[in-house]
């Protein structure tokens, strides 16, 4: 990806959904001590907003 395109993507304003997902991930990391593995992961069958790990447990989070 060219630098200009990368920079434009980083500087664009976040949508309300993206803001909520970031806040949810931050909350899980700080207050619940989860380790965030991935955010906004898209698959053929849908999308996971936040994927986190707590010990041996994998947690899939849908942010509304």
N, C-alpha and C. Protein backbone atom coordinates (compact mmCIF):
# COMPACT_ATOMS: atom_id res chain seq x y z
N UNK A 1 0.86 -1.18 0.00
CA UNK A 1 0.00 0.00 0.00
C UNK A 1 0.90 1.24 0.00
N UNK A 2 0.66 2.16 -0.91
CA UNK A 2 1.46 3.39 -0.95
C UNK A 2 1.29 4.20 0.34
N UNK A 3 2.34 4.94 0.66
CA UNK A 3 2.35 5.70 1.91
C UNK A 3 1.19 6.68 2.01
N UNK A 4 0.89 7.40 0.95
CA UNK A 4 -0.21 8.38 0.98
C UNK A 4 -1.54 7.72 1.30
N UNK A 5 -1.79 6.59 0.70
CA UNK A 5 -3.04 5.86 0.95
C UNK A 5 -3.08 5.35 2.39
N UNK A 6 -1.97 4.83 2.87
CA UNK A 6 -1.88 4.35 4.25
C UNK A 6 -2.13 5.48 5.24
N UNK A 7 -1.50 6.64 4.99
CA UNK A 7 -1.67 7.79 5.87
C UNK A 7 -3.10 8.31 5.86
N UNK A 8 -3.73 8.39 4.70
CA UNK A 8 -5.11 8.84 4.60
C UNK A 8 -6.04 7.92 5.38
N UNK A 9 -5.79 6.61 5.32
CA UNK A 9 -6.60 5.64 6.07
C UNK A 9 -6.45 5.85 7.57
N UNK A 10 -5.25 6.12 8.01
CA UNK A 10 -4.99 6.32 9.45
C UNK A 10 -5.58 7.62 9.98
N UNK A 11 -5.69 8.64 9.12
CA UNK A 11 -6.15 9.95 9.58
C UNK A 11 -7.64 10.19 9.39
N UNK A 12 -8.34 9.27 8.73
CA UNK A 12 -9.77 9.48 8.51
C UNK A 12 -10.52 9.35 9.83
N UNK A 13 -11.64 10.08 9.98
CA UNK A 13 -12.42 9.99 11.21
C UNK A 13 -13.03 8.59 11.36
N UNK A 14 -13.11 8.11 12.59
CA UNK A 14 -13.69 6.80 12.86
C UNK A 14 -15.21 6.88 12.87
N UNK A 15 -15.85 5.84 12.33
CA UNK A 15 -17.31 5.77 12.39
C UNK A 15 -17.73 5.47 13.83
N UNK A 16 -19.00 5.65 14.12
CA UNK A 16 -19.52 5.38 15.46
C UNK A 16 -19.27 3.92 15.84
N UNK A 17 -19.46 3.00 14.88
CA UNK A 17 -19.22 1.58 15.15
C UNK A 17 -17.76 1.29 15.48
N UNK A 18 -16.85 1.90 14.75
CA UNK A 18 -15.42 1.70 15.00
C UNK A 18 -15.03 2.26 16.37
N UNK A 19 -15.61 3.40 16.74
CA UNK A 19 -15.34 3.97 18.06
C UNK A 19 -15.81 3.02 19.16
N UNK A 20 -17.00 2.44 18.98
CA UNK A 20 -17.54 1.51 19.97
C UNK A 20 -16.69 0.26 20.10
N UNK A 21 -16.23 -0.25 18.98
CA UNK A 21 -15.39 -1.45 19.01
C UNK A 21 -14.07 -1.17 19.72
N UNK A 22 -13.48 -0.03 19.47
CA UNK A 22 -12.23 0.32 20.15
C UNK A 22 -12.44 0.48 21.65
N UNK A 23 -13.55 1.12 22.03
CA UNK A 23 -13.83 1.30 23.47
C UNK A 23 -14.10 -0.04 24.14
N UNK A 24 -14.80 -0.93 23.46
CA UNK A 24 -15.06 -2.26 24.02
C UNK A 24 -13.76 -3.03 24.21
N UNK A 25 -12.89 -2.99 23.22
CA UNK A 25 -11.60 -3.68 23.33
C UNK A 25 -10.77 -3.10 24.47
N UNK A 26 -10.76 -1.78 24.59
CA UNK A 26 -10.01 -1.13 25.66
C UNK A 26 -10.56 -1.54 27.03
N UNK A 27 -11.89 -1.59 27.15
CA UNK A 27 -12.53 -1.98 28.41
C UNK A 27 -12.14 -3.42 28.77
N UNK A 28 -12.25 -4.33 27.80
CA UNK A 28 -11.91 -5.73 28.05
C UNK A 28 -10.45 -5.88 28.46
N UNK A 29 -9.57 -5.12 27.83
CA UNK A 29 -8.15 -5.19 28.13
C UNK A 29 -7.84 -4.64 29.53
N UNK A 30 -8.41 -3.49 29.86
CA UNK A 30 -8.08 -2.82 31.12
C UNK A 30 -8.80 -3.39 32.34
N UNK A 31 -10.09 -3.65 32.22
CA UNK A 31 -10.89 -4.03 33.38
C UNK A 31 -11.08 -5.53 33.54
N UNK A 32 -11.09 -6.27 32.46
CA UNK A 32 -11.32 -7.71 32.53
C UNK A 32 -10.04 -8.50 32.31
N UNK A 33 -8.95 -7.81 31.98
CA UNK A 33 -7.63 -8.41 31.78
C UNK A 33 -7.60 -9.42 30.64
N UNK A 34 -8.43 -9.20 29.62
CA UNK A 34 -8.38 -10.04 28.43
C UNK A 34 -7.22 -9.59 27.55
N UNK A 35 -6.69 -10.52 26.78
CA UNK A 35 -5.68 -10.18 25.77
C UNK A 35 -6.42 -10.13 24.44
N UNK A 36 -6.38 -8.98 23.77
CA UNK A 36 -7.07 -8.80 22.50
C UNK A 36 -6.23 -9.43 21.40
N UNK A 37 -6.83 -10.36 20.67
CA UNK A 37 -6.13 -11.08 19.61
C UNK A 37 -6.37 -10.42 18.26
N UNK A 38 -7.63 -9.98 18.01
CA UNK A 38 -7.96 -9.38 16.72
C UNK A 38 -9.19 -8.50 16.88
N UNK A 39 -9.30 -7.52 15.99
CA UNK A 39 -10.50 -6.69 15.93
C UNK A 39 -10.94 -6.58 14.48
N UNK A 40 -12.25 -6.45 14.29
CA UNK A 40 -12.84 -6.28 12.97
C UNK A 40 -12.38 -7.36 11.98
N UNK A 41 -12.41 -8.61 12.40
CA UNK A 41 -11.97 -9.73 11.57
C UNK A 41 -13.14 -10.20 10.71
N UNK A 42 -12.99 -10.13 9.40
CA UNK A 42 -14.04 -10.53 8.47
C UNK A 42 -13.75 -11.91 7.91
N UNK A 43 -14.80 -12.71 7.88
CA UNK A 43 -14.72 -14.05 7.31
C UNK A 43 -15.82 -14.22 6.28
N UNK A 44 -15.82 -15.34 5.61
CA UNK A 44 -16.82 -15.60 4.58
C UNK A 44 -18.24 -15.52 5.15
N UNK A 45 -18.43 -15.97 6.36
CA UNK A 45 -19.77 -16.08 6.94
C UNK A 45 -20.17 -14.90 7.82
N UNK A 46 -19.30 -13.94 8.04
CA UNK A 46 -19.65 -12.80 8.87
C UNK A 46 -18.42 -12.08 9.38
N UNK A 47 -18.62 -11.35 10.46
CA UNK A 47 -17.54 -10.52 11.02
C UNK A 47 -17.53 -10.65 12.53
N UNK A 48 -16.32 -10.70 13.11
CA UNK A 48 -16.14 -10.64 14.55
C UNK A 48 -15.62 -9.26 14.88
N UNK A 49 -16.27 -8.59 15.84
CA UNK A 49 -15.82 -7.25 16.22
C UNK A 49 -14.54 -7.32 17.05
N UNK A 50 -14.53 -8.18 18.08
CA UNK A 50 -13.35 -8.32 18.93
C UNK A 50 -13.17 -9.80 19.24
N UNK A 51 -11.94 -10.28 19.11
CA UNK A 51 -11.59 -11.64 19.53
C UNK A 51 -10.56 -11.48 20.63
N UNK A 52 -10.87 -12.06 21.80
CA UNK A 52 -10.00 -11.91 22.96
C UNK A 52 -9.73 -13.28 23.58
N UNK A 53 -8.69 -13.33 24.42
CA UNK A 53 -8.32 -14.57 25.10
C UNK A 53 -8.20 -14.29 26.58
N UNK A 54 -8.78 -15.21 27.37
CA UNK A 54 -8.67 -15.16 28.83
C UNK A 54 -8.17 -16.52 29.28
N UNK A 55 -6.88 -16.63 29.48
CA UNK A 55 -6.30 -17.93 29.82
C UNK A 55 -6.42 -18.87 28.63
N UNK A 56 -7.21 -19.94 28.79
CA UNK A 56 -7.41 -20.91 27.72
C UNK A 56 -8.74 -20.71 27.01
N UNK A 57 -9.46 -19.66 27.36
CA UNK A 57 -10.77 -19.41 26.79
C UNK A 57 -10.70 -18.32 25.71
N UNK A 58 -11.24 -18.63 24.53
CA UNK A 58 -11.32 -17.65 23.44
C UNK A 58 -12.71 -17.04 23.49
N UNK A 59 -12.76 -15.70 23.44
CA UNK A 59 -14.03 -14.97 23.56
C UNK A 59 -14.25 -14.18 22.28
N UNK A 60 -15.43 -14.36 21.67
CA UNK A 60 -15.82 -13.61 20.48
C UNK A 60 -16.85 -12.58 20.91
N UNK A 61 -16.58 -11.30 20.65
CA UNK A 61 -17.43 -10.21 21.14
C UNK A 61 -18.09 -9.51 19.97
N UNK A 62 -19.41 -9.35 20.05
CA UNK A 62 -20.18 -8.56 19.10
C UNK A 62 -20.57 -7.26 19.80
N UNK A 63 -20.15 -6.14 19.24
CA UNK A 63 -20.43 -4.82 19.83
C UNK A 63 -21.67 -4.25 19.17
N UNK A 64 -22.61 -3.84 19.98
CA UNK A 64 -23.84 -3.21 19.48
C UNK A 64 -23.92 -1.78 19.96
